[in-house]
Amino acid sequence: MNKEKPGLIMVFTGDGKGKTTAAVGQAMRALGHGYRVYMIHFMKGRDYGEFLATEKMANLTIVRAGRDSFVCREKPDPVDAELAREGFVKAEKAVMSGDYDLVVLDEINVAVDYGLIAEEDLISLLKRKPEQVSVILTGRNASPELVKIADMVSEVLAIKHHYDQGADCCKGIEY
């Protein structure tokens, strides 16, 4: 394993808040060392704070592959499935291109869990990725197979959340 650019597969999963935030922090760390980073948000179309803050940073490409609407797990809208598939094609190109040192696939675990992206396609991509490319996958419900092939898995545990007290979605906190 190359200690400078080890090409790790990292997963941030669990039912707690902070998975995307952890991935953005890892991306910032990589950017600080001159790495080229590609981040794609699956199932997110809103102007999330991290998107707004980072869209003009050097060495960072950030893309959206979703719309500003919740996706129904039991019966996803065909538009959501199409956006996820198009996003996966972009993600695959980014991973395989050699243009990036780190690729963040934000909420891809949820896209797989909802059936918008085939798990076997994601696993195949991770097994074929160039050795020096690191990939971060975020979202609840990371599959056992994904956890098995990952080099690092962190679970964010929900202990308490302001939603439980009836709070609304807050700009700068949730998005």
N, C-alpha and C. Protein backbone atom coordinates (compact mmCIF):
# COMPACT_ATOMS: atom_id res chain seq x y z
N MET A 1 0.83 -1.18 0.00
CA MET A 1 0.00 0.00 0.00
C MET A 1 0.88 1.25 0.00
N ASN A 2 0.58 2.16 -0.89
CA ASN A 2 1.29 3.42 -0.97
C ASN A 2 0.86 4.31 0.19
N LYS A 3 1.79 4.68 1.06
CA LYS A 3 1.44 5.48 2.24
C LYS A 3 1.08 6.91 1.90
N GLU A 4 1.55 7.42 0.77
CA GLU A 4 1.21 8.78 0.36
C GLU A 4 -0.23 8.86 -0.14
N LYS A 5 -0.59 7.94 -1.03
CA LYS A 5 -1.94 7.90 -1.59
C LYS A 5 -2.39 6.44 -1.59
N PRO A 6 -2.95 5.98 -0.48
CA PRO A 6 -3.22 4.55 -0.31
C PRO A 6 -4.41 3.99 -1.08
N GLY A 7 -5.27 4.81 -1.63
CA GLY A 7 -6.40 4.29 -2.40
C GLY A 7 -7.38 3.50 -1.56
N LEU A 8 -7.83 4.08 -0.47
CA LEU A 8 -8.72 3.40 0.46
C LEU A 8 -10.19 3.50 0.05
N ILE A 9 -10.98 2.55 0.53
CA ILE A 9 -12.43 2.61 0.44
C ILE A 9 -12.91 2.89 1.86
N MET A 10 -13.58 4.05 2.02
CA MET A 10 -14.03 4.48 3.35
C MET A 10 -15.54 4.66 3.34
N VAL A 11 -16.19 4.19 4.40
CA VAL A 11 -17.64 4.25 4.50
C VAL A 11 -18.03 5.00 5.77
N PHE A 12 -18.93 5.97 5.62
CA PHE A 12 -19.56 6.65 6.75
C PHE A 12 -21.04 6.30 6.70
N THR A 13 -21.51 5.53 7.67
CA THR A 13 -22.89 5.04 7.66
C THR A 13 -23.50 5.19 9.04
N GLY A 14 -24.73 4.75 9.20
CA GLY A 14 -25.42 4.82 10.48
C GLY A 14 -26.60 5.75 10.43
N ASP A 15 -27.39 5.75 11.52
CA ASP A 15 -28.61 6.55 11.53
C ASP A 15 -28.43 7.92 12.16
N GLY A 16 -27.20 8.25 12.55
CA GLY A 16 -26.94 9.56 13.14
C GLY A 16 -26.61 10.62 12.12
N LYS A 17 -26.61 11.86 12.57
CA LYS A 17 -26.30 13.01 11.73
C LYS A 17 -24.79 13.22 11.65
N GLY A 18 -24.27 13.51 10.47
CA GLY A 18 -22.85 13.86 10.36
C GLY A 18 -22.06 13.05 9.36
N LYS A 19 -22.69 12.18 8.59
CA LYS A 19 -21.96 11.35 7.64
C LYS A 19 -21.39 12.18 6.49
N THR A 20 -22.22 13.02 5.90
CA THR A 20 -21.74 13.90 4.83
C THR A 20 -20.71 14.88 5.37
N THR A 21 -20.97 15.40 6.55
CA THR A 21 -20.04 16.35 7.18
C THR A 21 -18.67 15.71 7.37
N ALA A 22 -18.64 14.45 7.79
CA ALA A 22 -17.38 13.74 7.95
C ALA A 22 -16.67 13.58 6.60
N ALA A 23 -17.44 13.27 5.56
CA ALA A 23 -16.85 13.12 4.23
C ALA A 23 -16.30 14.44 3.71
N VAL A 24 -17.03 15.53 3.96
CA VAL A 24 -16.56 16.85 3.54
C VAL A 24 -15.27 17.20 4.28
N GLY A 25 -15.22 16.89 5.56
CA GLY A 25 -14.01 17.13 6.34
C GLY A 25 -12.82 16.35 5.78
N GLN A 26 -13.05 15.11 5.40
CA GLN A 26 -11.98 14.29 4.80
C GLN A 26 -11.56 14.89 3.47
N ALA A 27 -12.53 15.39 2.69
CA ALA A 27 -12.21 16.04 1.42
C ALA A 27 -11.37 17.30 1.64
N MET A 28 -11.72 18.08 2.66
CA MET A 28 -10.95 19.29 2.97
C MET A 28 -9.52 18.93 3.35
N ARG A 29 -9.37 17.89 4.10
CA ARG A 29 -8.03 17.42 4.49
C ARG A 29 -7.23 17.05 3.23
N ALA A 30 -7.86 16.32 2.32
CA ALA A 30 -7.19 15.92 1.09
C ALA A 30 -6.83 17.14 0.24
N LEU A 31 -7.75 18.09 0.12
CA LEU A 31 -7.48 19.31 -0.64
C LEU A 31 -6.31 20.09 -0.05
N GLY A 32 -6.22 20.08 1.26
CA GLY A 32 -5.11 20.76 1.92
C GLY A 32 -3.75 20.23 1.53
N HIS A 33 -3.72 18.98 1.09
CA HIS A 33 -2.47 18.36 0.65
C HIS A 33 -2.35 18.34 -0.87
N GLY A 34 -3.19 19.11 -1.54
CA GLY A 34 -3.09 19.23 -3.00
C GLY A 34 -3.75 18.12 -3.77
N TYR A 35 -4.53 17.27 -3.12
CA TYR A 35 -5.22 16.20 -3.83
C TYR A 35 -6.35 16.79 -4.67
N ARG A 36 -6.68 16.09 -5.70
CA ARG A 36 -7.80 16.45 -6.57
C ARG A 36 -9.01 15.63 -6.09
N VAL A 37 -10.11 16.33 -5.83
CA VAL A 37 -11.28 15.69 -5.23
C VAL A 37 -12.51 15.89 -6.10
N TYR A 38 -13.27 14.83 -6.23
CA TYR A 38 -14.56 14.84 -6.93
C TYR A 38 -15.61 14.42 -5.92
N MET A 39 -16.66 15.21 -5.79
CA MET A 39 -17.73 14.86 -4.86
C MET A 39 -19.05 14.93 -5.59
N ILE A 40 -19.82 13.85 -5.49
CA ILE A 40 -21.14 13.83 -6.11
C ILE A 40 -22.17 13.53 -5.04
N HIS A 41 -23.22 14.34 -5.01
CA HIS A 41 -24.31 14.18 -4.06
C HIS A 41 -25.44 13.42 -4.73
N PHE A 42 -25.69 12.19 -4.31
CA PHE A 42 -26.84 11.44 -4.79
C PHE A 42 -28.05 11.83 -3.96
N MET A 43 -29.20 11.93 -4.61
CA MET A 43 -30.48 12.18 -3.95
C MET A 43 -30.51 13.54 -3.24
N LYS A 44 -29.68 14.47 -3.67
CA LYS A 44 -29.67 15.81 -3.09
C LYS A 44 -29.63 16.84 -4.21
N GLY A 45 -30.62 17.73 -4.25
CA GLY A 45 -30.63 18.77 -5.26
C GLY A 45 -30.61 20.16 -4.68
N ARG A 46 -30.80 20.27 -3.38
CA ARG A 46 -30.84 21.55 -2.69
C ARG A 46 -29.44 22.16 -2.61
N ASP A 47 -29.38 23.46 -2.39
CA ASP A 47 -28.10 24.13 -2.17
C ASP A 47 -27.62 23.87 -0.75
N TYR A 48 -27.07 22.69 -0.52
CA TYR A 48 -26.52 22.36 0.79
C TYR A 48 -25.31 23.26 1.05
N GLY A 49 -25.07 23.56 2.32
CA GLY A 49 -23.99 24.46 2.69
C GLY A 49 -22.64 24.02 2.17
N GLU A 50 -22.36 22.72 2.23
CA GLU A 50 -21.06 22.26 1.75
C GLU A 50 -20.92 22.47 0.25
N PHE A 51 -22.04 22.37 -0.49
CA PHE A 51 -22.00 22.62 -1.92
C PHE A 51 -21.67 24.08 -2.17
N LEU A 52 -22.35 24.97 -1.47
CA LEU A 52 -22.12 26.40 -1.65
C LEU A 52 -20.70 26.82 -1.24
N ALA A 53 -20.21 26.25 -0.14
CA ALA A 53 -18.89 26.64 0.38
C ALA A 53 -17.76 26.12 -0.49
N THR A 54 -17.97 24.99 -1.10
CA THR A 54 -16.85 24.34 -1.79
C THR A 54 -16.88 24.44 -3.31
N GLU A 55 -17.96 24.92 -3.89
CA GLU A 55 -18.08 24.87 -5.34
C GLU A 55 -17.03 25.70 -6.08
N LYS A 56 -16.36 26.63 -5.40
CA LYS A 56 -15.35 27.45 -6.07
C LYS A 56 -13.93 27.11 -5.64
N MET A 57 -13.75 26.04 -4.90
CA MET A 57 -12.40 25.66 -4.43
C MET A 57 -11.60 25.03 -5.56
N ALA A 58 -10.32 25.33 -5.58
CA ALA A 58 -9.42 24.72 -6.55
C ALA A 58 -9.30 23.23 -6.25
N ASN A 59 -9.12 22.43 -7.26
CA ASN A 59 -8.92 20.99 -7.18
C ASN A 59 -10.15 20.23 -6.70
N LEU A 60 -11.32 20.89 -6.65
CA LEU A 60 -12.53 20.22 -6.22
C LEU A 60 -13.61 20.35 -7.28
N THR A 61 -14.14 19.23 -7.69
CA THR A 61 -15.31 19.19 -8.57
C THR A 61 -16.46 18.68 -7.74
N ILE A 62 -17.57 19.38 -7.74
CA ILE A 62 -18.73 18.96 -6.96
C ILE A 62 -19.96 18.96 -7.85
N VAL A 63 -20.72 17.87 -7.79
CA VAL A 63 -21.82 17.61 -8.72
C VAL A 63 -23.04 17.16 -7.93
N ARG A 64 -24.22 17.45 -8.45
CA ARG A 64 -25.46 16.96 -7.85
C ARG A 64 -26.10 15.92 -8.77
N ALA A 65 -26.65 14.89 -8.15
CA ALA A 65 -27.35 13.85 -8.91
C ALA A 65 -28.66 13.54 -8.21
N GLY A 66 -29.44 14.57 -7.97
CA GLY A 66 -30.72 14.41 -7.30
C GLY A 66 -31.48 15.70 -7.38
N ARG A 67 -32.67 15.68 -6.81
CA ARG A 67 -33.50 16.89 -6.81
C ARG A 67 -33.86 17.24 -5.37
N ASP A 68 -34.35 18.44 -5.18
CA ASP A 68 -34.69 18.91 -3.84
C ASP A 68 -36.06 18.37 -3.43
N SER A 69 -36.09 17.06 -3.20
CA SER A 69 -37.33 16.40 -2.83
C SER A 69 -36.98 15.07 -2.17
N PHE A 70 -37.77 14.68 -1.18
CA PHE A 70 -37.53 13.39 -0.56
C PHE A 70 -37.91 12.27 -1.52
N VAL A 71 -37.17 11.18 -1.47
CA VAL A 71 -37.41 10.03 -2.33
C VAL A 71 -38.19 8.99 -1.52
N CYS A 72 -39.25 8.47 -2.10
CA CYS A 72 -40.05 7.43 -1.45
C CYS A 72 -39.34 6.09 -1.61
N ARG A 73 -38.95 5.49 -0.50
CA ARG A 73 -38.20 4.23 -0.54
C ARG A 73 -39.01 3.12 -1.22
N GLU A 74 -40.29 3.03 -0.90
CA GLU A 74 -41.11 1.94 -1.42
C GLU A 74 -41.43 2.09 -2.91
N LYS A 75 -41.55 3.34 -3.35
CA LYS A 75 -41.89 3.58 -4.76
C LYS A 75 -41.22 4.86 -5.24
N PRO A 76 -39.89 4.77 -5.52
CA PRO A 76 -39.18 5.96 -5.98
C PRO A 76 -39.75 6.49 -7.30
N ASP A 77 -39.76 7.78 -7.43
CA ASP A 77 -40.18 8.41 -8.67
C ASP A 77 -39.18 8.04 -9.77
N PRO A 78 -39.64 7.77 -10.98
CA PRO A 78 -38.72 7.45 -12.07
C PRO A 78 -37.65 8.51 -12.30
N VAL A 79 -37.98 9.78 -12.01
CA VAL A 79 -36.99 10.86 -12.16
C VAL A 79 -35.83 10.63 -11.20
N ASP A 80 -36.11 10.21 -9.97
CA ASP A 80 -35.06 9.97 -9.00
C ASP A 80 -34.16 8.81 -9.44
N ALA A 81 -34.76 7.77 -9.99
CA ALA A 81 -33.99 6.63 -10.48
C ALA A 81 -33.09 7.06 -11.65
N GLU A 82 -33.64 7.87 -12.54
CA GLU A 82 -32.85 8.34 -13.69
C GLU A 82 -31.69 9.23 -13.24
N LEU A 83 -31.95 10.14 -12.33
CA LEU A 83 -30.89 11.02 -11.83
C LEU A 83 -29.79 10.21 -11.13
N ALA A 84 -30.19 9.20 -10.37
CA ALA A 84 -29.20 8.36 -9.69
C ALA A 84 -28.35 7.58 -10.71
N ARG A 85 -28.99 7.03 -11.72
CA ARG A 85 -28.23 6.29 -12.75
C ARG A 85 -27.27 7.22 -13.49
N GLU A 86 -27.75 8.40 -13.86
CA GLU A 86 -26.88 9.37 -14.53
C GLU A 86 -25.73 9.77 -13.61
N GLY A 87 -26.02 9.95 -12.34
CA GLY A 87 -24.98 10.28 -11.37
C GLY A 87 -23.97 9.17 -11.23
N PHE A 88 -24.43 7.93 -11.25
CA PHE A 88 -23.50 6.81 -11.12
C PHE A 88 -22.57 6.73 -12.32
N VAL A 89 -23.07 7.03 -13.50
CA VAL A 89 -22.21 7.06 -14.69
C VAL A 89 -21.12 8.12 -14.52
N LYS A 90 -21.50 9.30 -14.02
CA LYS A 90 -20.52 10.37 -13.77
C LYS A 90 -19.51 9.93 -12.70
N ALA A 91 -20.01 9.31 -11.64
CA ALA A 91 -19.13 8.85 -10.56
C ALA A 91 -18.13 7.82 -11.08
N GLU A 92 -18.62 6.89 -11.88
CA GLU A 92 -17.75 5.85 -12.44
C GLU A 92 -16.66 6.48 -13.31
N LYS A 93 -17.03 7.43 -14.13
CA LYS A 93 -16.04 8.12 -14.97
C LYS A 93 -15.01 8.83 -14.10
N ALA A 94 -15.46 9.47 -13.02
CA ALA A 94 -14.53 10.19 -12.14
C ALA A 94 -13.56 9.22 -11.47
N VAL A 95 -14.08 8.12 -10.97
CA VAL A 95 -13.23 7.13 -10.30
C VAL A 95 -12.20 6.55 -11.27
N MET A 96 -12.63 6.21 -12.44
CA MET A 96 -11.76 5.51 -13.40
C MET A 96 -10.87 6.44 -14.22
N SER A 97 -11.13 7.74 -14.22
CA SER A 97 -10.45 8.69 -15.10
C SER A 97 -8.97 8.90 -14.79
N GLY A 98 -8.59 8.75 -13.53
CA GLY A 98 -7.23 9.11 -13.14
C GLY A 98 -7.07 10.58 -12.88
N ASP A 99 -8.15 11.34 -13.00
CA ASP A 99 -8.11 12.79 -12.78
C ASP A 99 -8.26 13.17 -11.32
N TYR A 100 -8.67 12.21 -10.46
CA TYR A 100 -8.96 12.52 -9.06
C TYR A 100 -8.25 11.56 -8.13
N ASP A 101 -7.84 12.08 -6.98
CA ASP A 101 -7.22 11.26 -5.94
C ASP A 101 -8.26 10.74 -4.96
N LEU A 102 -9.33 11.49 -4.77
CA LEU A 102 -10.41 11.13 -3.85
C LEU A 102 -11.74 11.40 -4.53
N VAL A 103 -12.63 10.41 -4.46
CA VAL A 103 -13.98 10.56 -4.99
C VAL A 103 -14.96 10.29 -3.85
N VAL A 104 -15.82 11.26 -3.58
CA VAL A 104 -16.82 11.13 -2.53
C VAL A 104 -18.17 10.86 -3.18
N LEU A 105 -18.76 9.73 -2.82
CA LEU A 105 -20.08 9.34 -3.33
C LEU A 105 -21.08 9.54 -2.18
N ASP A 106 -21.53 10.76 -2.05
CA ASP A 106 -22.39 11.14 -0.93
C ASP A 106 -23.79 10.56 -1.10
N GLU A 107 -24.27 9.88 -0.07
CA GLU A 107 -25.60 9.25 -0.02
C GLU A 107 -25.76 8.08 -0.98
N ILE A 108 -24.67 7.54 -1.49
CA ILE A 108 -24.79 6.41 -2.40
C ILE A 108 -25.31 5.17 -1.68
N ASN A 109 -25.01 5.03 -0.40
CA ASN A 109 -25.53 3.87 0.34
C ASN A 109 -27.06 3.88 0.33
N VAL A 110 -27.66 5.06 0.46
CA VAL A 110 -29.11 5.19 0.44
C VAL A 110 -29.64 4.91 -0.97
N ALA A 111 -28.95 5.43 -1.98
CA ALA A 111 -29.38 5.17 -3.36
C ALA A 111 -29.38 3.67 -3.66
N VAL A 112 -28.39 2.95 -3.13
CA VAL A 112 -28.35 1.50 -3.30
C VAL A 112 -29.48 0.85 -2.50
N ASP A 113 -29.64 1.27 -1.25
CA ASP A 113 -30.68 0.71 -0.38
C ASP A 113 -32.07 0.91 -0.98
N TYR A 114 -32.31 2.02 -1.66
CA TYR A 114 -33.60 2.31 -2.27
C TYR A 114 -33.76 1.66 -3.65
N GLY A 115 -32.73 0.99 -4.13
CA GLY A 115 -32.80 0.32 -5.42
C GLY A 115 -32.59 1.24 -6.61
N LEU A 116 -32.08 2.45 -6.38
CA LEU A 116 -31.84 3.38 -7.48
C LEU A 116 -30.55 3.05 -8.22
N ILE A 117 -29.62 2.43 -7.52
CA ILE A 117 -28.35 1.99 -8.09
C ILE A 117 -28.16 0.54 -7.66
N ALA A 118 -27.77 -0.31 -8.59
CA ALA A 118 -27.57 -1.72 -8.28
C ALA A 118 -26.32 -1.90 -7.42
N GLU A 119 -26.46 -2.63 -6.32
CA GLU A 119 -25.32 -2.86 -5.44
C GLU A 119 -24.17 -3.53 -6.18
N GLU A 120 -24.49 -4.47 -7.06
CA GLU A 120 -23.42 -5.17 -7.79
C GLU A 120 -22.63 -4.21 -8.69
N ASP A 121 -23.29 -3.17 -9.21
CA ASP A 121 -22.57 -2.17 -10.02
C ASP A 121 -21.60 -1.37 -9.16
N LEU A 122 -22.04 -0.99 -7.96
CA LEU A 122 -21.17 -0.25 -7.06
C LEU A 122 -19.99 -1.11 -6.61
N ILE A 123 -20.25 -2.35 -6.22
CA ILE A 123 -19.18 -3.25 -5.78
C ILE A 123 -18.20 -3.49 -6.92
N SER A 124 -18.70 -3.67 -8.12
CA SER A 124 -17.83 -3.86 -9.28
C SER A 124 -16.92 -2.65 -9.49
N LEU A 125 -17.49 -1.45 -9.39
CA LEU A 125 -16.69 -0.23 -9.54
C LEU A 125 -15.59 -0.18 -8.50
N LEU A 126 -15.93 -0.47 -7.26
CA LEU A 126 -14.93 -0.41 -6.18
C LEU A 126 -13.83 -1.44 -6.38
N LYS A 127 -14.16 -2.58 -6.91
CA LYS A 127 -13.14 -3.62 -7.16
C LYS A 127 -12.25 -3.28 -8.35
N ARG A 128 -12.77 -2.46 -9.28
CA ARG A 128 -12.01 -2.10 -10.48
C ARG A 128 -11.28 -0.76 -10.36
N LYS A 129 -11.54 -0.02 -9.31
CA LYS A 129 -10.99 1.34 -9.21
C LYS A 129 -9.46 1.31 -9.27
N PRO A 130 -8.87 2.36 -9.81
CA PRO A 130 -7.40 2.43 -9.80
C PRO A 130 -6.87 2.38 -8.37
N GLU A 131 -5.74 1.76 -8.21
CA GLU A 131 -5.15 1.51 -6.89
C GLU A 131 -4.96 2.77 -6.07
N GLN A 132 -4.61 3.88 -6.70
CA GLN A 132 -4.28 5.11 -5.96
C GLN A 132 -5.49 5.99 -5.66
N VAL A 133 -6.68 5.61 -6.13
CA VAL A 133 -7.86 6.43 -5.92
C VAL A 133 -8.57 5.99 -4.65
N SER A 134 -8.80 6.94 -3.74
CA SER A 134 -9.60 6.68 -2.55
C SER A 134 -11.05 7.04 -2.85
N VAL A 135 -11.97 6.28 -2.25
CA VAL A 135 -13.39 6.51 -2.45
C VAL A 135 -14.07 6.54 -1.08
N ILE A 136 -14.91 7.55 -0.87
CA ILE A 136 -15.72 7.65 0.34
C ILE A 136 -17.17 7.45 -0.07
N LEU A 137 -17.86 6.60 0.68
CA LEU A 137 -19.27 6.33 0.46
C LEU A 137 -20.03 6.71 1.72
N THR A 138 -21.07 7.53 1.58
CA THR A 138 -21.83 7.92 2.76
C THR A 138 -23.27 7.46 2.63
N GLY A 139 -23.96 7.49 3.75
CA GLY A 139 -25.38 7.21 3.79
C GLY A 139 -25.72 6.06 4.73
N ARG A 140 -26.94 6.08 5.19
CA ARG A 140 -27.44 5.02 6.06
C ARG A 140 -27.43 3.68 5.32
N ASN A 141 -27.50 2.63 6.10
CA ASN A 141 -27.74 1.28 5.59
C ASN A 141 -26.70 0.78 4.60
N ALA A 142 -25.43 1.02 4.89
CA ALA A 142 -24.39 0.42 4.05
C ALA A 142 -24.57 -1.09 4.11
N SER A 143 -24.51 -1.73 2.98
CA SER A 143 -24.77 -3.17 2.91
C SER A 143 -23.62 -3.96 3.56
N PRO A 144 -23.91 -5.17 4.01
CA PRO A 144 -22.85 -6.01 4.57
C PRO A 144 -21.70 -6.26 3.58
N GLU A 145 -22.02 -6.40 2.30
CA GLU A 145 -20.98 -6.62 1.29
C GLU A 145 -20.08 -5.39 1.16
N LEU A 146 -20.67 -4.21 1.20
CA LEU A 146 -19.89 -2.98 1.12
C LEU A 146 -19.00 -2.84 2.36
N VAL A 147 -19.55 -3.12 3.51
CA VAL A 147 -18.76 -3.06 4.75
C VAL A 147 -17.60 -4.05 4.68
N LYS A 148 -17.84 -5.21 4.11
CA LYS A 148 -16.81 -6.25 4.01
C LYS A 148 -15.62 -5.80 3.15
N ILE A 149 -15.89 -5.15 2.03
CA ILE A 149 -14.77 -4.78 1.13
C ILE A 149 -14.12 -3.46 1.51
N ALA A 150 -14.76 -2.67 2.36
CA ALA A 150 -14.21 -1.36 2.75
C ALA A 150 -12.96 -1.52 3.62
N ASP A 151 -12.07 -0.54 3.52
CA ASP A 151 -10.88 -0.50 4.36
C ASP A 151 -11.17 0.16 5.70
N MET A 152 -12.17 1.05 5.73
CA MET A 152 -12.53 1.77 6.95
C MET A 152 -14.03 1.98 6.93
N VAL A 153 -14.67 1.71 8.06
CA VAL A 153 -16.10 1.95 8.20
C VAL A 153 -16.32 2.65 9.53
N SER A 154 -16.99 3.79 9.49
CA SER A 154 -17.39 4.49 10.70
C SER A 154 -18.90 4.56 10.72
N GLU A 155 -19.47 4.21 11.87
CA GLU A 155 -20.91 4.28 12.04
C GLU A 155 -21.25 5.48 12.91
N VAL A 156 -22.12 6.34 12.40
CA VAL A 156 -22.57 7.49 13.15
C VAL A 156 -23.87 7.07 13.84
N LEU A 157 -23.85 7.07 15.15
CA LEU A 157 -24.97 6.60 15.95
C LEU A 157 -25.85 7.75 16.39
N ALA A 158 -27.15 7.61 16.19
CA ALA A 158 -28.10 8.63 16.65
C ALA A 158 -28.41 8.36 18.12
N ILE A 159 -28.07 9.29 18.97
CA ILE A 159 -28.39 9.19 20.39
C ILE A 159 -29.53 10.15 20.71
N LYS A 160 -29.47 11.35 20.16
CA LYS A 160 -30.49 12.36 20.35
C LYS A 160 -30.45 13.28 19.14
N HIS A 161 -31.61 13.76 18.71
CA HIS A 161 -31.67 14.66 17.57
C HIS A 161 -32.75 15.70 17.83
N HIS A 162 -32.50 16.93 17.41
CA HIS A 162 -33.46 18.01 17.64
C HIS A 162 -34.79 17.77 16.90
N TYR A 163 -34.80 16.94 15.86
CA TYR A 163 -36.05 16.57 15.20
C TYR A 163 -36.99 15.88 16.19
N ASP A 164 -36.42 15.12 17.14
CA ASP A 164 -37.22 14.40 18.13
C ASP A 164 -38.05 15.35 18.99
N GLN A 165 -37.60 16.61 19.11
CA GLN A 165 -38.34 17.61 19.87
C GLN A 165 -39.21 18.47 18.95
N GLY A 166 -39.33 18.09 17.68
CA GLY A 166 -40.20 18.79 16.75
C GLY A 166 -39.55 19.91 15.97
N ALA A 167 -38.23 20.03 16.02
CA ALA A 167 -37.53 21.10 15.28
C ALA A 167 -37.67 20.89 13.77
N ASP A 168 -37.67 21.98 13.06
CA ASP A 168 -37.70 21.95 11.60
C ASP A 168 -36.29 21.80 11.05
N CYS A 169 -36.21 21.53 9.78
CA CYS A 169 -34.94 21.46 9.06
C CYS A 169 -34.32 22.86 9.05
N CYS A 170 -33.08 22.98 9.50
CA CYS A 170 -32.43 24.28 9.66
C CYS A 170 -31.31 24.49 8.64
N LYS A 171 -31.37 25.63 7.95
CA LYS A 171 -30.29 26.02 7.03
C LYS A 171 -29.00 26.14 7.85
N GLY A 172 -27.93 25.60 7.33
CA GLY A 172 -26.63 25.66 8.03
C GLY A 172 -26.43 24.51 8.99
N ILE A 173 -27.48 23.75 9.28
CA ILE A 173 -27.38 22.59 10.15
C ILE A 173 -27.68 21.31 9.36
N GLU A 174 -28.86 21.24 8.76
CA GLU A 174 -29.22 20.07 7.95
C GLU A 174 -28.85 20.22 6.48
N TYR A 175 -28.76 21.43 6.03
CA TYR A 175 -28.42 21.64 4.61
C TYR A 175 -27.60 22.90 4.45
